[in-house]
Protein backbone atom coordinates (compact mmCIF):
# COMPACT_ATOMS: atom_id res chain seq x y z
CA MET A 1 19.36 3.46 24.26
CA PRO A 2 20.59 2.00 20.78
CA GLY A 3 20.03 4.02 17.85
CA ASN A 4 17.16 1.57 16.66
CA ILE A 5 15.29 1.49 19.76
CA ILE A 6 15.19 5.52 19.09
CA SER A 7 14.17 5.36 15.79
CA GLY A 8 11.54 2.61 16.83
CA VAL A 9 10.25 4.84 19.91
CA LEU A 10 9.69 8.01 17.54
CA THR A 11 8.22 6.21 14.44
CA PHE A 12 5.86 4.80 16.55
CA ALA A 13 5.04 8.44 18.98
CA LEU A 14 5.12 10.42 15.74
CA LEU A 15 2.47 7.57 13.86
CA MET A 16 0.00 7.71 17.26
CA SER A 17 -0.39 11.46 17.28
CA SER A 18 -0.81 11.76 13.37
CA ALA A 19 -3.25 8.31 13.47
CA GLY A 20 -4.79 9.94 16.25
CA LEU A 21 -5.20 14.08 14.53
CA ALA A 22 -6.31 11.06 11.47
CA ALA A 23 -9.41 9.68 13.53
CA GLN A 24 -10.78 13.74 14.16
CA ASP A 25 -11.00 14.45 10.48
CA ASP A 26 -11.39 11.21 9.34
CA GLY A 27 -8.71 11.12 7.06
CA LEU A 28 -7.79 7.94 6.62
CA HIS A 29 -8.02 5.45 4.23
CA GLY A 30 -8.59 2.66 5.50
CA LEU A 31 -4.82 0.82 4.96
CA SER A 32 -4.25 -0.20 8.25
CA GLY A 33 -4.64 -3.93 9.10
CA PHE A 34 -2.74 -7.95 8.24
CA TRP A 35 -2.12 -8.40 4.66
CA GLN A 36 -0.79 -11.31 3.48
CA PRO A 37 0.29 -12.11 -0.28
CA LYS A 38 -2.42 -12.99 -2.80
CA PHE A 39 -1.35 -14.65 -6.09
CA GLY A 40 -4.43 -15.42 -7.51
CA LYS A 41 -5.66 -13.00 -9.94
CA GLU A 42 -9.64 -11.87 -8.86
CA PRO A 43 -10.32 -9.33 -8.23
CA PHE A 44 -6.92 -7.73 -10.54
CA GLY A 45 -5.87 -4.47 -9.38
CA GLN A 46 -6.91 -3.65 -14.09
CA VAL A 47 -7.28 -0.36 -12.60
CA LEU A 48 -3.48 0.36 -11.40
CA VAL A 49 -1.81 -1.46 -13.98
CA ASP A 50 -3.94 0.63 -16.61
CA GLN A 51 -1.58 3.33 -14.98
CA VAL A 52 2.07 1.90 -15.29
CA PRO A 53 3.37 3.65 -18.00
CA GLU A 54 2.79 1.74 -21.86
CA ASP A 55 6.69 1.03 -22.37
CA ALA A 56 6.90 -0.78 -18.95
CA LEU A 57 8.20 -4.44 -19.25
CA PHE A 58 6.05 -6.20 -16.89
CA ILE A 59 8.31 -8.64 -14.62
CA ASN A 60 5.95 -11.76 -13.61
CA ASP A 61 7.67 -13.31 -10.34
CA ALA A 62 6.15 -12.55 -7.64
CA GLY A 63 6.47 -14.89 -4.93
CA ASP A 64 7.63 -18.43 -5.43
CA ASN A 65 7.13 -17.55 -9.26
CA GLU A 66 10.72 -17.08 -9.34
CA LEU A 67 12.66 -17.01 -12.38
CA ALA A 68 16.13 -18.40 -13.11
CA PRO A 69 19.30 -17.86 -13.29
CA GLY A 70 20.35 -16.25 -16.51
CA GLN A 71 15.99 -15.77 -17.48
CA PHE A 72 15.52 -11.41 -16.91
CA ALA A 73 11.66 -11.69 -18.39
CA GLY A 74 12.89 -9.87 -21.05
CA LEU A 75 14.65 -7.42 -19.28
CA ARG A 76 17.70 -5.87 -21.36
CA LEU A 77 20.66 -5.53 -18.40
CA THR A 78 23.58 -3.62 -18.72
CA ASP A 79 26.91 -5.00 -19.40
CA ARG A 80 27.70 -4.35 -15.19
CA ALA A 81 24.26 -6.65 -14.57
CA LEU A 82 24.93 -8.67 -17.19
CA ASN A 83 28.82 -9.93 -15.70
CA GLU A 84 27.68 -9.79 -12.42
CA ALA A 85 24.28 -12.62 -13.08
CA GLU A 86 27.00 -14.54 -15.73
CA ASN A 87 29.28 -14.45 -12.53
CA TYR A 88 26.93 -15.76 -10.43
CA ASP A 89 26.93 -19.16 -8.54
CA PRO A 90 23.66 -20.36 -6.20
CA ASN A 91 25.53 -22.74 -4.33
CA ALA A 92 28.10 -20.00 -2.68
CA MET A 93 24.97 -18.04 -1.36
CA GLN A 94 23.78 -21.06 0.57
CA ASN A 95 25.25 -19.65 4.01
CA PRO A 96 24.43 -17.35 6.55
CA ASP A 97 26.56 -14.90 6.09
CA THR A 98 25.23 -14.29 2.57
CA ALA A 99 21.70 -15.82 2.53
CA CYS A 100 20.45 -13.51 5.38
CA ILE A 101 21.53 -10.37 4.20
CA PRO A 102 18.16 -8.08 3.17
CA PRO A 103 17.19 -7.20 0.08
CA SER A 104 16.29 -3.88 -0.81
CA VAL A 105 12.24 -2.50 -1.63
CA ALA A 106 12.94 -3.17 -4.98
CA PHE A 107 12.74 -7.36 -4.21
CA TYR A 108 11.21 -8.01 -0.38
CA MET A 109 7.68 -6.30 -1.31
CA GLN A 110 6.77 -9.00 -4.33
CA ALA A 111 7.99 -11.55 -1.09
CA PRO A 112 5.51 -14.60 -0.13
CA PHE A 113 5.60 -13.04 3.48
CA PRO A 114 3.24 -10.85 5.58
CA MET A 115 2.94 -7.73 5.92
CA ALA A 116 1.71 -5.42 8.58
CA ILE A 117 0.58 -1.50 8.07
CA ASP A 118 -0.24 1.37 10.25
CA GLU A 119 -1.74 3.96 8.70
CA GLY A 120 -1.26 7.51 9.95
CA ARG A 121 -2.26 11.48 8.72
CA ASP A 122 1.18 12.17 8.16
CA LEU A 123 3.05 9.21 7.78
CA ILE A 124 2.27 5.22 6.81
CA VAL A 125 4.23 2.85 8.51
CA PHE A 126 4.58 -0.62 6.28
CA ARG A 127 6.04 -3.78 8.99
CA MET A 128 7.24 -6.56 6.73
CA GLU A 129 7.57 -10.02 8.15
CA TYR A 130 10.39 -10.20 5.59
CA TYR A 131 13.74 -9.77 7.32
CA ASP A 132 12.08 -7.80 9.78
CA LEU A 133 12.11 -4.71 7.12
CA VAL A 134 10.13 -1.43 8.05
CA ARG A 135 9.37 1.58 5.35
CA VAL A 136 8.48 4.86 6.85
CA ILE A 137 6.28 6.85 4.07
CA TYR A 138 5.96 10.37 4.45
CA LEU A 139 2.84 12.07 3.71
CA ASP A 140 3.73 15.33 4.73
CA GLY A 141 4.46 17.10 1.27
CA ARG A 142 8.42 16.63 2.47
CA ASP A 143 10.75 16.49 -0.81
CA HIS A 144 13.06 13.59 -1.09
CA PRO A 145 16.63 14.25 0.83
CA PRO A 146 19.82 15.32 -0.82
CA ALA A 147 21.71 12.91 -3.25
CA ASP A 148 24.55 12.31 -0.63
CA HIS A 149 21.56 11.61 2.02
CA PRO A 150 22.87 7.61 2.93
CA HIS A 151 21.31 4.57 1.12
CA THR A 152 18.66 1.93 3.16
CA LYS A 153 17.34 -0.95 1.77
CA SER A 154 14.09 0.58 2.31
CA GLY A 155 14.66 3.67 0.64
CA HIS A 156 13.14 7.13 1.46
CA SER A 157 9.23 7.32 0.39
CA VAL A 158 7.14 10.16 0.38
CA GLY A 159 4.17 9.56 -0.80
CA HIS A 160 1.10 10.97 -1.69
CA TRP A 161 -3.27 10.29 -1.90
CA ASP A 162 -4.61 10.82 -5.81
CA GLY A 163 -8.43 9.87 -4.73
CA ASP A 164 -7.78 6.88 -3.40
CA THR A 165 -4.80 6.00 -4.66
CA LEU A 166 -1.88 6.04 -2.89
CA VAL A 167 1.19 7.42 -5.03
CA VAL A 168 4.34 6.74 -3.83
CA ASP A 169 8.20 7.74 -4.90
CA THR A 170 11.42 6.16 -3.47
CA THR A 171 14.91 6.66 -3.87
CA HIS A 172 17.92 6.81 -1.72
CA ILE A 173 17.44 2.48 -1.43
CA ALA A 174 20.45 0.71 -1.28
CA ALA A 175 22.22 -2.08 -3.85
CA GLY A 176 20.45 -5.04 -3.81
CA THR A 177 19.27 -8.37 -5.96
CA PHE A 178 16.14 -7.72 -7.90
CA MET A 179 15.05 -10.73 -9.58
CA ASN A 180 17.09 -13.18 -6.83
CA ASN A 181 18.44 -14.46 -10.18
CA GLY A 182 22.07 -13.50 -9.89
CA PHE A 183 22.80 -9.36 -10.24
CA ASP A 184 22.03 -6.20 -8.50
CA HIS A 185 20.38 -2.88 -8.74
CA SER A 186 22.26 0.21 -8.08
CA GLU A 187 22.02 3.07 -5.82
CA ASN A 188 20.64 4.83 -8.20
CA MET A 189 16.69 2.18 -8.52
CA HIS A 190 14.01 5.00 -8.25
CA ILE A 191 10.65 3.40 -7.45
CA THR A 192 6.82 4.90 -8.22
CA GLU A 193 4.79 2.87 -6.26
CA ARG A 194 0.39 2.68 -6.52
CA PHE A 195 -1.52 1.51 -3.07
CA ARG A 196 -5.60 1.07 -3.59
CA LEU A 197 -8.01 -1.15 -2.34
CA SER A 198 -10.30 -3.34 -4.34
CA PRO A 199 -14.27 -2.26 -3.31
CA ASP A 200 -14.86 -4.40 -0.93
CA GLY A 201 -11.72 -3.35 1.42
CA ASN A 202 -10.60 -7.01 1.45
CA THR A 203 -8.04 -7.16 -1.47
CA LEU A 204 -4.71 -3.95 -1.45
CA TRP A 205 -3.47 -3.48 -4.92
CA SER A 206 -0.29 -2.50 -5.29
CA THR A 207 2.06 -2.05 -8.36
CA GLN A 208 6.11 -1.23 -8.59
CA VAL A 209 7.62 0.81 -11.42
CA TYR A 210 11.00 0.93 -12.04
CA GLU A 211 13.50 2.73 -13.11
CA ASP A 212 17.78 2.18 -13.06
CA GLU A 213 19.64 2.88 -15.55
CA GLU A 214 22.90 1.53 -14.59
CA THR A 215 21.11 -2.16 -13.97
CA PHE A 216 18.60 -2.03 -17.16
CA GLU A 217 17.07 -0.49 -19.83
CA GLY A 218 13.96 1.50 -20.55
CA LEU A 219 11.02 0.69 -17.61
CA ALA A 220 10.58 -2.32 -15.26
CA ALA A 221 7.31 -3.29 -13.40
CA ARG A 222 5.59 -5.45 -11.07
CA TYR A 223 1.79 -5.76 -9.87
CA ILE A 224 1.37 -7.24 -6.18
CA ALA A 225 -1.91 -7.89 -4.79
CA PHE A 226 -2.60 -8.17 -1.14
CA VAL A 227 -5.35 -9.86 1.22
CA ARG A 228 -6.83 -9.06 4.44
CA GLU A 229 -6.64 -10.87 7.34
CA PRO A 230 -8.24 -10.21 10.59
CA GLY A 231 -5.95 -10.74 13.43
CA GLY A 232 -2.76 -11.66 11.68
CA PHE A 233 0.31 -10.85 13.21
CA ILE A 234 3.45 -10.47 12.26
CA TYR A 235 6.23 -13.53 13.42
CA PRO A 236 10.22 -12.59 14.24
CA PHE A 237 12.26 -13.45 11.11
CA GLU A 238 14.73 -16.57 11.19
CA CYS A 239 17.20 -16.36 8.30
CA PHE A 240 18.74 -18.97 7.78
CA ALA A 241 20.88 -20.64 4.92
CA GLY A 242 18.62 -20.86 2.36
CA TYR A 243 17.26 -17.47 1.33
CA LEU A 244 19.31 -16.73 -2.62
CA VAL A 245 18.78 -12.72 -1.59
CA PRO A 246 21.77 -10.92 -1.36
């Protein structure tokens, strides 16, 4: 049996086990379901935005509001990242061999594609339609693996509940595009996320705070929201030339 299938089976078994235990303990927080990206302002998760460090620079490029080559939302890039951006050729990306390389979690969470969440007590699984990517967030108290552990596009995520807010810390992220305009973040990207349901439970607010001194100075952040869509489901992702996400 291929390794990715084995991994999927194990993840599913762990999820079902933890979900069953959580149901007995009534420990779930209502995240399970199908979620569409929401780019409007209301309801706005100001409660999460207020927890973003004051010195973090907010990037407003979610969904179709992408930045053009040479625009970096005020980020001060390192020489390495700036050199990549200056030598970026969008035309060279118009082929499946390059365009169909998946981005990392630092980019794909804000893409205009839906996701499904399966919440258990000891882990939460995010299934993204974008590039068929999957995230596993461990809630069992484990630490991140050693620095030399393999890096992946989804990284290694550990989380905990702070009241009604899910706090997620992600490391071990493989290098990938950060703003879709010509430069990659490094493998030392560190992301801190917060997720919280709106009072009516129909909107999922989230923030991502990024730290990567090899790519830009200081901290950067995004606010991202999703709206619940009962009965929705994830389609297989069919990549084609034109997805400029190296």
